[in-house]
N, C-alpha and C. Protein backbone atom coordinates (compact mmCIF):
# COMPACT_ATOMS: atom_id res chain seq x y z
N UNK A 1 10.44 -2.02 -22.21
CA UNK A 1 11.40 -2.46 -21.10
C UNK A 1 11.04 -3.73 -20.60
N UNK A 2 12.10 -4.55 -20.37
CA UNK A 2 11.98 -5.65 -19.54
C UNK A 2 11.66 -5.24 -18.13
N UNK A 3 11.08 -6.24 -17.36
CA UNK A 3 10.93 -6.05 -15.86
C UNK A 3 12.25 -6.00 -15.16
N UNK A 4 12.21 -5.03 -14.34
CA UNK A 4 13.27 -4.60 -13.45
C UNK A 4 12.88 -4.42 -11.96
N UNK A 5 13.29 -5.20 -11.12
CA UNK A 5 12.68 -5.13 -9.86
C UNK A 5 13.10 -3.85 -9.02
N UNK A 6 14.43 -3.47 -9.06
CA UNK A 6 14.76 -2.21 -8.51
C UNK A 6 14.09 -0.90 -8.98
N UNK A 7 13.78 -0.88 -10.33
CA UNK A 7 13.01 0.15 -10.93
C UNK A 7 11.68 0.25 -10.53
N UNK A 8 11.07 -0.97 -10.33
CA UNK A 8 9.65 -1.12 -9.95
C UNK A 8 9.41 -0.56 -8.39
N UNK A 9 10.53 -0.88 -7.58
CA UNK A 9 10.55 -0.59 -6.31
C UNK A 9 10.49 0.88 -6.21
N UNK A 10 11.27 1.59 -7.06
CA UNK A 10 11.35 3.02 -6.97
C UNK A 10 10.09 3.74 -7.13
N UNK A 11 9.22 3.11 -7.99
CA UNK A 11 7.81 3.60 -8.09
C UNK A 11 7.04 3.35 -6.87
N UNK A 12 6.92 1.93 -6.55
CA UNK A 12 6.18 1.40 -5.62
C UNK A 12 6.33 2.01 -4.09
N UNK A 13 7.56 2.53 -3.91
CA UNK A 13 7.86 3.18 -2.47
C UNK A 13 7.42 4.57 -2.57
N UNK A 14 7.17 5.24 -3.80
CA UNK A 14 6.79 6.58 -3.77
C UNK A 14 5.35 6.83 -3.82
N UNK A 15 4.50 5.77 -4.13
CA UNK A 15 3.09 5.93 -4.40
C UNK A 15 2.47 6.47 -3.11
N UNK A 16 2.71 5.92 -1.78
CA UNK A 16 2.25 6.59 -0.83
C UNK A 16 2.24 7.93 -0.43
N UNK A 17 3.59 8.45 -0.85
CA UNK A 17 3.99 9.80 -0.64
C UNK A 17 3.31 10.85 -1.64
N UNK A 18 3.28 10.25 -2.76
CA UNK A 18 2.57 10.88 -3.82
C UNK A 18 1.24 11.28 -3.52
N UNK A 19 0.39 10.13 -3.17
CA UNK A 19 -0.97 10.23 -2.82
C UNK A 19 -1.33 11.10 -1.52
N UNK A 20 -0.34 11.14 -0.65
CA UNK A 20 -0.47 11.85 0.63
C UNK A 20 -0.15 13.41 0.05
N UNK A 21 0.60 13.64 -0.68
CA UNK A 21 0.87 15.00 -1.17
C UNK A 21 -0.28 15.68 -1.89
N UNK A 22 -0.88 14.76 -2.89
CA UNK A 22 -1.95 15.17 -3.66
C UNK A 22 -3.40 15.27 -2.99
N UNK A 23 -3.66 14.37 -1.97
CA UNK A 23 -4.92 14.17 -1.57
C UNK A 23 -5.09 14.73 0.04
N UNK A 24 -4.10 14.83 0.78
CA UNK A 24 -4.23 14.90 2.22
C UNK A 24 -4.87 16.41 2.41
N UNK A 25 -5.89 16.71 3.15
CA UNK A 25 -6.37 17.93 3.48
C UNK A 25 -7.32 18.36 2.34
N UNK A 26 -7.59 17.73 1.23
CA UNK A 26 -8.60 18.21 0.30
C UNK A 26 -9.88 18.07 0.80
N UNK A 27 -10.78 19.00 0.15
CA UNK A 27 -12.31 19.09 0.34
C UNK A 27 -12.75 17.83 -0.30
N UNK A 28 -14.12 17.61 0.22
CA UNK A 28 -14.96 16.39 -0.24
C UNK A 28 -15.06 16.46 -1.75
N UNK A 29 -15.26 17.60 -2.32
CA UNK A 29 -15.49 17.78 -3.68
C UNK A 29 -14.56 17.25 -4.50
N UNK A 30 -13.28 17.39 -4.08
CA UNK A 30 -12.07 16.82 -4.74
C UNK A 30 -11.91 15.34 -4.60
N UNK A 31 -12.06 14.83 -3.29
CA UNK A 31 -11.82 13.33 -2.82
C UNK A 31 -12.96 12.49 -3.37
N UNK A 32 -13.89 13.13 -3.62
CA UNK A 32 -15.12 12.13 -4.02
C UNK A 32 -15.74 12.47 -5.54
N UNK A 33 -14.73 13.08 -6.34
CA UNK A 33 -14.99 13.35 -7.75
C UNK A 33 -15.15 11.98 -8.49
N UNK A 34 -16.06 12.04 -9.13
CA UNK A 34 -16.40 10.87 -9.97
C UNK A 34 -17.21 11.25 -11.18
N UNK A 35 -17.04 10.57 -12.19
CA UNK A 35 -17.80 10.69 -13.41
C UNK A 35 -19.13 10.05 -13.32
N UNK A 36 -20.23 10.79 -13.14
CA UNK A 36 -21.68 10.32 -12.93
C UNK A 36 -21.62 9.22 -12.12
N UNK A 37 -20.84 9.14 -11.09
CA UNK A 37 -20.69 7.97 -10.02
C UNK A 37 -20.41 6.69 -10.46
N UNK A 38 -19.86 6.68 -11.63
CA UNK A 38 -19.53 5.30 -12.41
C UNK A 38 -17.97 5.21 -12.44
N UNK A 39 -17.18 6.09 -11.97
CA UNK A 39 -15.97 5.99 -11.93
C UNK A 39 -15.33 5.89 -10.40
N UNK A 40 -14.25 5.41 -10.16
CA UNK A 40 -13.60 5.38 -8.94
C UNK A 40 -13.34 6.96 -8.58
N UNK A 41 -13.59 7.46 -7.44
CA UNK A 41 -13.07 8.82 -6.89
C UNK A 41 -11.68 8.42 -6.29
N UNK A 42 -10.88 9.67 -5.98
CA UNK A 42 -9.56 9.54 -5.38
C UNK A 42 -9.83 8.81 -4.21
N UNK A 43 -10.85 9.03 -3.34
CA UNK A 43 -11.01 8.27 -2.11
C UNK A 43 -11.21 6.79 -2.37
N UNK A 44 -12.05 6.49 -3.35
CA UNK A 44 -12.07 5.00 -3.64
C UNK A 44 -10.84 4.29 -4.12
N UNK A 45 -10.02 5.27 -4.85
CA UNK A 45 -8.66 4.55 -5.29
C UNK A 45 -7.90 4.33 -4.05
N UNK A 46 -7.76 5.20 -3.12
CA UNK A 46 -6.93 4.71 -2.00
C UNK A 46 -7.44 3.66 -1.23
N UNK A 47 -8.74 3.38 -1.16
CA UNK A 47 -9.21 2.25 -0.49
C UNK A 47 -8.77 0.92 -1.37
N UNK A 48 -9.14 1.10 -2.71
CA UNK A 48 -8.68 0.04 -3.50
C UNK A 48 -7.32 -0.31 -3.52
N UNK A 49 -6.44 0.52 -3.35
CA UNK A 49 -5.05 0.24 -3.22
C UNK A 49 -4.72 -0.46 -1.85
N UNK A 50 -5.43 -0.10 -0.89
CA UNK A 50 -5.37 -0.82 0.45
C UNK A 50 -5.69 -2.29 0.38
N UNK A 51 -6.87 -2.64 -0.38
CA UNK A 51 -7.24 -4.09 -0.47
C UNK A 51 -6.18 -4.79 -1.31
N UNK A 52 -5.58 -4.16 -2.25
CA UNK A 52 -4.57 -4.76 -3.10
C UNK A 52 -3.30 -5.20 -2.24
N UNK A 53 -2.89 -4.11 -1.32
CA UNK A 53 -1.91 -4.47 -0.56
C UNK A 53 -2.36 -5.65 0.44
N UNK A 54 -3.46 -5.81 0.72
CA UNK A 54 -3.83 -6.74 1.91
C UNK A 54 -4.10 -8.12 1.11
N UNK A 55 -4.54 -8.25 0.02
CA UNK A 55 -4.95 -9.53 -0.53
C UNK A 55 -4.34 -10.04 -1.93
N UNK A 56 -3.60 -8.94 -2.58
CA UNK A 56 -3.30 -9.27 -3.89
C UNK A 56 -1.79 -9.49 -3.97
N UNK A 57 -0.98 -8.47 -4.16
CA UNK A 57 0.51 -8.51 -4.87
C UNK A 57 1.39 -9.41 -3.87
N UNK A 58 1.40 -9.27 -2.67
CA UNK A 58 2.44 -10.07 -1.89
C UNK A 58 1.70 -11.34 -1.53
N UNK A 59 0.49 -11.55 -1.44
CA UNK A 59 -0.19 -12.77 -1.14
C UNK A 59 0.01 -13.70 -2.38
N UNK A 60 -0.17 -12.98 -3.63
CA UNK A 60 0.16 -13.88 -4.80
C UNK A 60 1.57 -14.23 -5.03
N UNK A 61 2.34 -13.43 -4.69
CA UNK A 61 3.88 -13.59 -4.83
C UNK A 61 4.27 -14.67 -3.87
N UNK A 62 3.82 -14.73 -2.72
CA UNK A 62 4.07 -15.99 -1.82
C UNK A 62 3.53 -17.19 -2.32
N UNK A 63 2.25 -17.17 -3.02
CA UNK A 63 1.60 -18.32 -3.50
C UNK A 63 2.33 -18.84 -4.72
N UNK A 64 2.87 -18.07 -5.62
CA UNK A 64 3.83 -18.51 -6.62
C UNK A 64 4.82 -19.12 -6.16
N UNK A 65 5.56 -18.47 -5.17
CA UNK A 65 6.95 -19.00 -4.66
C UNK A 65 6.56 -20.44 -4.04
N UNK A 66 5.57 -20.55 -3.26
CA UNK A 66 5.30 -21.70 -2.60
C UNK A 66 4.58 -22.84 -3.34
N UNK A 67 3.68 -22.53 -4.47
CA UNK A 67 3.08 -23.49 -4.89
C UNK A 67 3.02 -23.57 -6.45
N UNK A 68 3.68 -22.45 -7.00
CA UNK A 68 3.63 -22.46 -8.50
C UNK A 68 2.31 -22.29 -9.03
N UNK A 69 2.01 -22.89 -10.13
CA UNK A 69 0.78 -22.70 -10.84
C UNK A 69 -0.19 -23.98 -10.25
N UNK A 70 0.18 -24.67 -9.37
CA UNK A 70 -0.66 -25.88 -8.86
C UNK A 70 -1.97 -25.33 -8.02
N UNK A 71 -1.69 -24.04 -7.55
CA UNK A 71 -2.75 -23.50 -6.67
C UNK A 71 -3.14 -22.22 -7.25
N UNK A 72 -4.41 -22.03 -7.70
CA UNK A 72 -4.77 -20.86 -8.37
C UNK A 72 -4.86 -19.69 -7.48
N UNK A 73 -4.71 -18.36 -8.02
CA UNK A 73 -4.89 -17.23 -7.05
C UNK A 73 -6.49 -17.14 -6.70
N UNK A 74 -6.73 -16.55 -5.43
CA UNK A 74 -8.08 -16.20 -5.08
C UNK A 74 -8.51 -15.10 -5.80
N UNK A 75 -9.83 -15.01 -5.97
CA UNK A 75 -10.35 -14.00 -6.91
C UNK A 75 -10.05 -12.68 -6.13
N UNK A 76 -9.69 -11.74 -6.80
CA UNK A 76 -9.53 -10.44 -6.22
C UNK A 76 -10.78 -9.59 -6.14
N UNK A 77 -11.13 -9.06 -5.25
CA UNK A 77 -12.51 -8.23 -5.09
C UNK A 77 -12.09 -6.87 -5.40
N UNK A 78 -12.35 -6.41 -6.64
CA UNK A 78 -11.93 -5.07 -7.06
C UNK A 78 -12.76 -3.94 -6.37
N UNK A 79 -13.92 -4.41 -5.76
CA UNK A 79 -14.77 -3.43 -5.28
C UNK A 79 -14.77 -3.47 -3.66
N UNK A 80 -14.00 -4.11 -2.97
CA UNK A 80 -13.86 -4.24 -1.63
C UNK A 80 -13.82 -2.93 -0.76
N UNK A 81 -13.22 -1.85 -1.40
CA UNK A 81 -12.98 -0.86 -0.72
C UNK A 81 -14.26 -0.09 -0.34
N UNK A 82 -15.50 -0.43 -1.16
CA UNK A 82 -16.63 0.36 -0.75
C UNK A 82 -17.24 0.03 0.69
N UNK A 83 -16.90 -1.22 1.17
CA UNK A 83 -17.16 -1.65 2.48
C UNK A 83 -16.00 -1.47 3.51
N UNK A 84 -14.92 -1.58 2.95
CA UNK A 84 -13.66 -1.55 3.83
C UNK A 84 -13.45 -0.04 4.24
N UNK A 85 -13.60 0.86 3.46
CA UNK A 85 -13.28 2.28 3.62
C UNK A 85 -14.47 3.05 4.36
N UNK A 86 -15.48 2.29 4.57
CA UNK A 86 -16.68 3.11 5.21
C UNK A 86 -16.48 3.75 6.45
N UNK A 87 -16.69 4.99 6.52
CA UNK A 87 -16.60 5.90 7.77
C UNK A 87 -15.19 6.39 7.91
N UNK A 88 -14.04 6.08 7.25
CA UNK A 88 -12.68 6.31 7.49
C UNK A 88 -12.51 7.71 6.76
N UNK A 89 -11.79 8.37 7.26
CA UNK A 89 -11.11 9.69 6.73
C UNK A 89 -10.09 9.16 5.67
N UNK A 90 -9.91 10.33 4.78
CA UNK A 90 -8.80 10.12 3.87
C UNK A 90 -7.50 10.04 4.59
N UNK A 91 -7.15 10.84 5.67
CA UNK A 91 -6.02 10.72 6.48
C UNK A 91 -5.67 9.26 7.08
N UNK A 92 -6.83 8.58 7.46
CA UNK A 92 -6.54 7.35 7.97
C UNK A 92 -6.39 6.37 6.73
N UNK A 93 -6.99 6.46 5.72
CA UNK A 93 -6.79 5.55 4.65
C UNK A 93 -5.36 5.77 4.08
N UNK A 94 -4.85 6.95 4.00
CA UNK A 94 -3.61 7.17 3.53
C UNK A 94 -2.41 6.67 4.65
N UNK A 95 -2.69 6.65 5.82
CA UNK A 95 -1.95 6.02 6.90
C UNK A 95 -2.00 4.72 6.76
N UNK A 96 -3.00 4.16 6.56
CA UNK A 96 -3.12 2.50 6.44
C UNK A 96 -2.42 2.03 5.24
N UNK A 97 -2.61 2.78 4.14
CA UNK A 97 -1.94 2.53 2.77
C UNK A 97 -0.44 2.42 2.98
N UNK A 98 0.16 3.55 3.65
CA UNK A 98 1.55 3.78 3.81
C UNK A 98 2.01 2.68 4.59
N UNK A 99 1.49 2.21 5.69
CA UNK A 99 1.91 1.27 6.52
C UNK A 99 1.98 -0.16 5.91
N UNK A 100 0.88 -0.36 5.11
CA UNK A 100 0.85 -1.77 4.39
C UNK A 100 1.78 -1.72 3.34
N UNK A 101 1.97 -0.71 2.46
CA UNK A 101 2.98 -0.70 1.49
C UNK A 101 4.48 -0.76 1.97
N UNK A 102 4.69 -0.17 3.21
CA UNK A 102 6.04 -0.21 3.71
C UNK A 102 6.35 -1.63 4.16
N UNK A 103 5.28 -2.41 4.82
CA UNK A 103 5.50 -3.69 5.18
C UNK A 103 5.69 -4.67 3.86
N UNK A 104 4.87 -4.44 2.99
CA UNK A 104 4.94 -5.34 1.71
C UNK A 104 6.21 -5.18 0.97
N UNK A 105 6.73 -3.88 0.91
CA UNK A 105 8.02 -3.78 0.21
C UNK A 105 9.07 -4.29 1.16
N UNK A 106 9.12 -4.29 2.38
CA UNK A 106 10.01 -4.88 3.26
C UNK A 106 10.12 -6.42 3.06
N UNK A 107 8.84 -6.94 3.04
CA UNK A 107 8.66 -8.39 2.61
C UNK A 107 9.33 -8.64 1.43
N UNK A 108 8.95 -8.02 0.30
CA UNK A 108 9.49 -8.10 -1.01
C UNK A 108 11.03 -8.05 -1.09
N UNK A 109 11.64 -7.15 -0.50
CA UNK A 109 13.00 -7.01 -0.41
C UNK A 109 13.69 -8.35 0.33
N UNK A 110 12.97 -8.66 1.30
CA UNK A 110 13.66 -9.77 2.07
C UNK A 110 13.60 -11.11 1.36
N UNK A 111 12.80 -11.21 0.29
CA UNK A 111 12.63 -12.41 -0.47
C UNK A 111 13.76 -12.57 -1.25
N UNK A 112 14.76 -11.51 -1.57
CA UNK A 112 15.89 -11.49 -2.36
C UNK A 112 15.58 -12.43 -3.69
N UNK A 113 14.81 -11.99 -4.45
CA UNK A 113 14.47 -12.76 -5.57
C UNK A 113 15.36 -12.89 -6.66
N UNK A 114 15.47 -13.99 -7.23
CA UNK A 114 16.49 -14.33 -8.30
C UNK A 114 15.68 -14.32 -9.55
N UNK A 115 16.48 -14.33 -10.66
CA UNK A 115 15.82 -14.28 -11.94
C UNK A 115 14.97 -15.47 -12.19
N UNK A 116 15.50 -16.55 -11.51
CA UNK A 116 14.89 -17.99 -11.58
C UNK A 116 13.25 -17.85 -10.85
N UNK A 117 13.44 -17.14 -9.69
CA UNK A 117 12.20 -16.73 -8.92
C UNK A 117 11.27 -16.08 -9.80
N UNK A 118 11.69 -14.99 -10.40
CA UNK A 118 10.89 -14.12 -11.22
C UNK A 118 10.22 -14.80 -12.47
N UNK A 119 10.89 -15.83 -12.91
CA UNK A 119 10.39 -16.71 -13.98
C UNK A 119 9.20 -17.74 -13.47
N UNK A 120 9.18 -17.87 -12.29
CA UNK A 120 8.24 -19.00 -11.85
C UNK A 120 6.72 -18.40 -12.01
N UNK A 121 5.81 -19.51 -12.32
CA UNK A 121 4.66 -19.32 -12.75
C UNK A 121 3.66 -19.40 -11.64
N UNK A 122 2.55 -18.63 -11.72
CA UNK A 122 1.25 -18.96 -10.97
C UNK A 122 0.11 -18.89 -11.84
N UNK A 123 -1.05 -19.28 -11.28
CA UNK A 123 -2.26 -19.46 -12.20
C UNK A 123 -3.40 -18.51 -11.71
N UNK A 124 -3.71 -17.60 -12.84
CA UNK A 124 -4.83 -16.70 -12.69
C UNK A 124 -6.12 -17.36 -13.40
N UNK A 125 -7.11 -17.37 -12.77
CA UNK A 125 -8.37 -18.01 -13.16
C UNK A 125 -8.96 -17.45 -14.62
N UNK A 126 -8.59 -16.06 -14.76
CA UNK A 126 -9.00 -15.62 -16.18
C UNK A 126 -7.88 -15.40 -17.17
N UNK A 127 -6.79 -15.32 -16.71
CA UNK A 127 -5.57 -15.09 -17.54
C UNK A 127 -4.75 -16.38 -17.70
N UNK A 128 -4.81 -17.41 -17.01
CA UNK A 128 -4.12 -18.63 -17.08
C UNK A 128 -2.63 -18.29 -16.52
N UNK A 129 -1.55 -19.03 -17.08
CA UNK A 129 -0.28 -18.95 -16.29
C UNK A 129 0.30 -17.58 -16.68
N UNK A 130 0.73 -17.03 -15.50
CA UNK A 130 1.42 -15.68 -15.41
C UNK A 130 2.75 -15.87 -14.61
N UNK A 131 3.62 -15.06 -14.88
CA UNK A 131 4.92 -15.21 -14.15
C UNK A 131 4.91 -14.24 -13.07
N UNK A 132 5.87 -14.53 -11.92
CA UNK A 132 6.07 -13.62 -10.83
C UNK A 132 6.44 -12.25 -11.51
N UNK A 133 7.33 -12.09 -12.25
CA UNK A 133 7.87 -10.94 -12.92
C UNK A 133 6.51 -10.22 -13.40
N UNK A 134 5.64 -10.83 -14.07
CA UNK A 134 4.53 -10.12 -14.70
C UNK A 134 3.62 -9.71 -13.58
N UNK A 135 3.49 -10.38 -12.61
CA UNK A 135 2.64 -9.87 -11.37
C UNK A 135 3.28 -8.58 -10.87
N UNK A 136 4.66 -8.52 -10.67
CA UNK A 136 5.23 -7.44 -9.94
C UNK A 136 5.27 -6.28 -10.94
N UNK A 137 5.26 -6.48 -12.25
CA UNK A 137 5.30 -5.48 -13.26
C UNK A 137 3.82 -4.77 -13.09
N UNK A 138 2.81 -5.60 -13.06
CA UNK A 138 1.52 -5.32 -13.01
C UNK A 138 1.23 -4.37 -11.74
N UNK A 139 1.70 -4.80 -10.69
CA UNK A 139 1.59 -4.10 -9.37
C UNK A 139 2.14 -2.65 -9.55
N UNK A 140 3.28 -2.50 -10.31
CA UNK A 140 3.86 -1.04 -10.66
C UNK A 140 2.91 -0.25 -11.44
N UNK A 141 2.57 -1.00 -12.76
CA UNK A 141 1.69 -0.25 -13.56
C UNK A 141 0.29 0.08 -12.78
N UNK A 142 -0.24 -0.77 -12.13
CA UNK A 142 -1.52 -0.57 -11.43
C UNK A 142 -1.39 0.75 -10.45
N UNK A 143 -0.26 1.06 -9.88
CA UNK A 143 -0.18 2.08 -9.15
C UNK A 143 -0.34 3.33 -10.02
N UNK A 144 0.44 3.10 -10.96
CA UNK A 144 0.52 4.45 -11.96
C UNK A 144 -0.88 4.63 -12.67
N UNK A 145 -1.50 3.63 -12.94
CA UNK A 145 -2.86 3.60 -13.68
C UNK A 145 -3.84 4.42 -12.76
N UNK A 146 -3.75 3.95 -11.41
CA UNK A 146 -4.55 4.59 -10.39
C UNK A 146 -4.29 6.11 -10.09
N UNK A 147 -3.04 6.58 -10.20
CA UNK A 147 -2.49 7.64 -10.04
C UNK A 147 -3.12 8.60 -11.11
N UNK A 148 -2.96 8.01 -12.33
CA UNK A 148 -3.62 8.59 -13.44
C UNK A 148 -5.19 8.93 -13.35
N UNK A 149 -5.74 7.83 -12.92
CA UNK A 149 -7.22 7.84 -12.59
C UNK A 149 -7.70 8.81 -11.71
N UNK A 150 -6.89 8.99 -10.62
CA UNK A 150 -7.21 10.09 -9.57
C UNK A 150 -7.20 11.56 -10.24
N UNK A 151 -6.14 11.69 -11.25
CA UNK A 151 -5.85 13.00 -11.75
C UNK A 151 -7.05 13.19 -12.81
N UNK A 152 -7.41 12.13 -13.46
CA UNK A 152 -8.53 12.34 -14.54
C UNK A 152 -9.86 12.61 -13.64
N UNK A 153 -10.22 11.81 -12.70
CA UNK A 153 -11.35 12.26 -11.92
C UNK A 153 -11.51 13.56 -11.25
N UNK A 154 -10.43 14.29 -10.81
CA UNK A 154 -10.23 15.39 -10.36
C UNK A 154 -10.41 16.40 -11.65
N UNK A 155 -9.74 16.29 -12.56
CA UNK A 155 -9.72 17.21 -13.84
C UNK A 155 -11.07 17.32 -14.48
N UNK A 156 -11.64 16.20 -14.44
CA UNK A 156 -12.96 16.11 -15.01
C UNK A 156 -14.13 16.93 -14.48
N UNK A 157 -13.83 17.04 -13.03
CA UNK A 157 -14.77 18.20 -12.40
C UNK A 157 -14.82 19.37 -13.01
N UNK A 158 -13.76 19.84 -13.76
CA UNK A 158 -13.66 21.12 -14.34
C UNK A 158 -13.83 21.08 -15.91
N UNK A 159 -14.29 20.03 -16.29
CA UNK A 159 -14.44 19.62 -17.72
C UNK A 159 -15.15 20.84 -18.63
N UNK A 160 -16.29 21.26 -17.84
CA UNK A 160 -16.94 22.47 -18.50
C UNK A 160 -16.41 23.85 -18.22
N UNK A 161 -15.96 23.88 -16.95
CA UNK A 161 -15.40 25.11 -16.41
C UNK A 161 -14.13 25.72 -17.26
N UNK A 162 -13.44 24.83 -17.69
CA UNK A 162 -12.27 25.11 -18.51
C UNK A 162 -12.65 25.86 -19.85
N UNK A 163 -13.79 25.76 -20.21
CA UNK A 163 -14.44 26.56 -21.48
C UNK A 163 -13.58 26.01 -22.68
N UNK A 164 -13.11 27.03 -23.58
CA UNK A 164 -12.58 26.60 -24.73
C UNK A 164 -11.09 25.91 -24.51
N UNK A 165 -10.63 26.04 -23.54
CA UNK A 165 -9.13 25.20 -23.31
C UNK A 165 -9.38 23.63 -23.29
N UNK A 166 -10.55 23.39 -23.20
CA UNK A 166 -10.99 21.86 -23.21
C UNK A 166 -10.06 21.31 -24.46
N UNK A 167 -10.15 22.02 -25.61
CA UNK A 167 -9.49 21.43 -26.70
C UNK A 167 -8.05 21.23 -26.60
N UNK A 168 -7.39 21.84 -25.62
CA UNK A 168 -5.78 21.50 -25.34
C UNK A 168 -5.52 20.74 -24.17
N UNK A 169 -6.53 20.13 -23.48
CA UNK A 169 -6.46 19.23 -22.26
C UNK A 169 -6.75 17.74 -22.46
N UNK A 170 -5.71 17.09 -22.97
CA UNK A 170 -5.71 15.69 -23.20
C UNK A 170 -6.44 14.83 -22.03
N UNK A 171 -6.31 15.24 -20.85
CA UNK A 171 -6.74 14.44 -19.77
C UNK A 171 -8.40 14.49 -19.84
N UNK A 172 -8.90 15.68 -20.51
CA UNK A 172 -10.34 15.55 -20.62
C UNK A 172 -10.83 15.03 -21.97
N UNK A 173 -9.92 14.60 -22.75
CA UNK A 173 -10.48 13.92 -24.12
C UNK A 173 -10.94 12.53 -24.12
N UNK A 174 -10.23 11.76 -23.41
CA UNK A 174 -10.43 10.12 -23.36
C UNK A 174 -11.50 9.92 -22.28
N UNK A 175 -12.19 8.85 -22.77
CA UNK A 175 -13.44 8.72 -21.70
C UNK A 175 -12.79 7.84 -20.59
N UNK A 176 -13.18 8.29 -19.36
CA UNK A 176 -12.66 7.66 -18.11
C UNK A 176 -12.94 6.17 -18.02
N UNK A 177 -12.32 5.40 -17.22
CA UNK A 177 -12.62 3.92 -17.16
C UNK A 177 -13.71 3.95 -16.25
N UNK A 178 -14.97 3.28 -16.66
CA UNK A 178 -16.05 3.23 -15.79
C UNK A 178 -16.06 1.90 -15.09
N UNK A 179 -16.64 1.67 -14.02
CA UNK A 179 -16.87 0.53 -13.43
C UNK A 179 -17.95 -0.42 -13.96
N UNK A 180 -18.02 -1.66 -13.88
CA UNK A 180 -18.93 -2.42 -14.30
C UNK A 180 -20.31 -2.48 -13.34
N UNK A 181 -21.33 -3.09 -13.65
CA UNK A 181 -22.67 -3.00 -12.94
C UNK A 181 -22.31 -3.18 -11.47
N UNK A 182 -21.61 -4.31 -11.23
CA UNK A 182 -21.49 -4.71 -9.71
C UNK A 182 -20.78 -3.39 -9.01
N UNK A 183 -19.83 -2.86 -9.57
CA UNK A 183 -18.88 -1.78 -8.81
C UNK A 183 -19.90 -0.55 -8.56
N UNK A 184 -20.91 -0.18 -9.76
CA UNK A 184 -21.58 0.89 -9.69
C UNK A 184 -22.67 0.64 -8.46
N UNK A 185 -23.05 -0.49 -8.37
CA UNK A 185 -24.06 -0.87 -7.41
C UNK A 185 -23.51 -0.91 -5.94
N UNK A 186 -22.53 -1.56 -5.66
CA UNK A 186 -21.65 -1.55 -4.48
C UNK A 186 -21.30 0.01 -4.17
N UNK A 187 -20.93 0.76 -5.11
CA UNK A 187 -20.62 2.10 -4.65
C UNK A 187 -21.92 2.81 -4.15
N UNK A 188 -22.99 2.71 -4.95
CA UNK A 188 -24.20 3.41 -4.49
C UNK A 188 -24.72 2.99 -3.19
N UNK A 189 -24.49 1.64 -3.09
CA UNK A 189 -24.88 1.04 -1.68
C UNK A 189 -24.11 1.65 -0.53
N UNK A 190 -22.73 1.76 -0.79
CA UNK A 190 -21.82 2.35 0.31
C UNK A 190 -22.27 3.84 0.52
N UNK A 191 -22.47 4.60 -0.59
CA UNK A 191 -22.83 6.04 -0.30
C UNK A 191 -24.23 6.14 0.44
N UNK A 192 -25.37 5.39 0.17
CA UNK A 192 -26.40 5.35 0.75
C UNK A 192 -26.31 4.94 2.26
N UNK A 193 -25.38 4.16 2.51
CA UNK A 193 -25.17 3.74 3.89
C UNK A 193 -24.14 4.48 4.74
N UNK A 194 -23.72 5.59 4.22
CA UNK A 194 -23.07 6.47 4.82
C UNK A 194 -21.43 6.29 4.85
N UNK A 195 -20.77 5.68 3.88
CA UNK A 195 -19.58 5.34 3.75
C UNK A 195 -18.42 6.39 4.09
N UNK A 196 -18.94 7.54 3.66
CA UNK A 196 -17.98 8.75 3.63
C UNK A 196 -17.62 9.22 5.13
């Protein structure tokens, strides 16, 4: 499928509601489910999505529209949530994410992007030239990726408890996406300093 902004917005506007329905009021066992401490927990994912709203998607959109590829994107800190979320409840994080997403989608709609705008290019340090359409498509896929990651982290807590049904549960068959050494170290530091 080619990028379609209205279709992307359909997903992007539903992510906060989806996460609130899935995570609000859950016990810590669910919220902090992680495979051997090396994957994002549901709590971590919400914090990660918040930092994306603050420093990635719309910041880069405006950078592309204002400077094209002449000014590279700032490096995105994939693990900033470990410091940012410290001491916050899941309810507070969900509220913060909802407010940021609503603001960013209002900003996105107000840009009234044309096909020419969507074809404009920016510069990513690792990927090189990228278009605005690619950035916005990635924002959408990124949301879906992390919703899937939340479901996988939660399902994996019952990996052995399901017994022989494990053979029928695809969510338990594929290895989870693990963080690199930096992420693991930052998560451990956050946990030992009382981030929950």
